[in-house]
Amino acid sequence: MINLGRQALLTVLLVSAPMLGFGLVVGLVVSIFQATTQINEQTLAFIPKIIAVMLAVVLFGPWMFTVMLQFTSSLLLGLSSVVR
């Protein structure tokens, strides 16, 4: 049972890491740009992050789908041991 929770958390971290990483890097770049130019426009910070996250989904989507599919299949195959 604990192993199932560990696998679930690891899967969540693996699947969300590319999107969070891209958003973090783009947010940092935009923040540095805003600090150097003193432009405090909210949409300037928001729109590039959205685009970066969507780009991460497009680039890493097949891999994320494979990771989730492997977790789901292992969960369904081991369901009988969890139910007992």
Protein backbone atom coordinates (compact mmCIF):
# COMPACT_ATOMS: atom_id res chain seq x y z
CA MET A 1 0.00 0.00 0.00
CA ILE A 2 2.82 2.42 0.83
CA ASN A 3 4.56 1.41 -2.38
CA LEU A 4 1.42 2.39 -4.31
CA GLY A 5 1.41 5.85 -2.75
CA ARG A 6 5.12 6.26 -3.50
CA GLN A 7 4.58 5.27 -7.13
CA ALA A 8 1.65 7.69 -7.41
CA LEU A 9 3.68 10.60 -6.04
CA LEU A 10 6.63 9.76 -8.27
CA THR A 11 4.34 9.64 -11.31
CA VAL A 12 2.82 13.02 -10.44
CA LEU A 13 6.28 14.55 -10.05
CA LEU A 14 7.54 13.07 -13.30
CA VAL A 15 4.52 14.18 -15.30
CA SER A 16 4.40 17.71 -13.91
CA ALA A 17 8.17 18.41 -13.95
CA PRO A 18 8.53 19.46 -17.62
CA MET A 19 5.67 21.95 -17.44
CA LEU A 20 6.80 23.39 -14.12
CA GLY A 21 10.39 23.61 -15.32
CA PHE A 22 9.51 25.44 -18.52
CA GLY A 23 7.23 27.82 -16.60
CA LEU A 24 9.93 28.46 -14.01
CA VAL A 25 12.62 29.27 -16.57
CA VAL A 26 10.37 31.53 -18.62
CA GLY A 27 9.10 33.27 -15.49
CA LEU A 28 12.66 33.93 -14.36
CA VAL A 29 13.65 35.33 -17.76
CA VAL A 30 10.57 37.56 -17.90
CA SER A 31 11.15 38.77 -14.33
CA ILE A 32 14.75 39.69 -15.13
CA PHE A 33 13.56 41.48 -18.27
CA GLN A 34 10.92 43.38 -16.30
CA ALA A 35 13.43 44.34 -13.60
CA THR A 36 15.96 45.66 -16.09
CA THR A 37 13.45 47.61 -18.20
CA GLN A 38 11.17 48.60 -15.29
CA ILE A 39 8.09 47.45 -17.20
CA ASN A 40 5.49 46.22 -14.70
CA GLU A 41 2.86 44.82 -17.04
CA GLN A 42 1.06 41.75 -15.66
CA THR A 43 0.26 40.26 -19.06
CA LEU A 44 3.95 40.38 -19.93
CA ALA A 45 4.59 37.92 -17.11
CA PHE A 46 1.53 35.75 -17.68
CA ILE A 47 1.32 35.12 -21.43
CA PRO A 48 4.89 33.82 -21.97
CA LYS A 49 4.40 31.35 -19.11
CA ILE A 50 1.19 30.04 -20.67
CA ILE A 51 2.93 29.64 -24.01
CA ALA A 52 5.88 27.86 -22.36
CA VAL A 53 3.62 25.42 -20.52
CA MET A 54 1.68 24.65 -23.70
CA LEU A 55 4.96 24.12 -25.54
CA ALA A 56 6.07 21.72 -22.80
CA VAL A 57 2.81 19.79 -23.13
CA VAL A 58 3.29 19.52 -26.89
CA LEU A 59 6.94 18.46 -26.61
CA PHE A 60 6.63 16.09 -23.65
CA GLY A 61 3.01 14.98 -24.14
CA PRO A 62 3.76 11.54 -25.60
CA TRP A 63 6.28 10.81 -22.85
CA MET A 64 3.88 12.00 -20.13
CA PHE A 65 1.13 9.84 -21.61
CA THR A 66 3.45 6.81 -21.58
CA VAL A 67 4.39 7.40 -17.92
CA MET A 68 0.73 7.72 -16.91
CA LEU A 69 -0.23 4.66 -18.96
CA GLN A 70 2.50 2.56 -17.31
CA PHE A 71 1.35 3.65 -13.85
CA THR A 72 -2.28 2.92 -14.66
CA SER A 73 -1.52 -0.51 -16.07
CA SER A 74 0.62 -1.44 -13.06
CA LEU A 75 -2.15 -0.17 -10.78
CA LEU A 76 -4.83 -2.22 -12.54
CA LEU A 77 -2.64 -5.33 -12.68
CA GLY A 78 -1.88 -5.08 -8.95
CA LEU A 79 -5.41 -4.23 -7.93
CA SER A 80 -6.09 -7.69 -6.54
CA SER A 81 -3.27 -7.38 -4.01
CA VAL A 82 -4.54 -3.99 -2.83
CA VAL A 83 -8.16 -5.09 -2.42
CA ARG A 84 -7.38 -7.93 -0.01
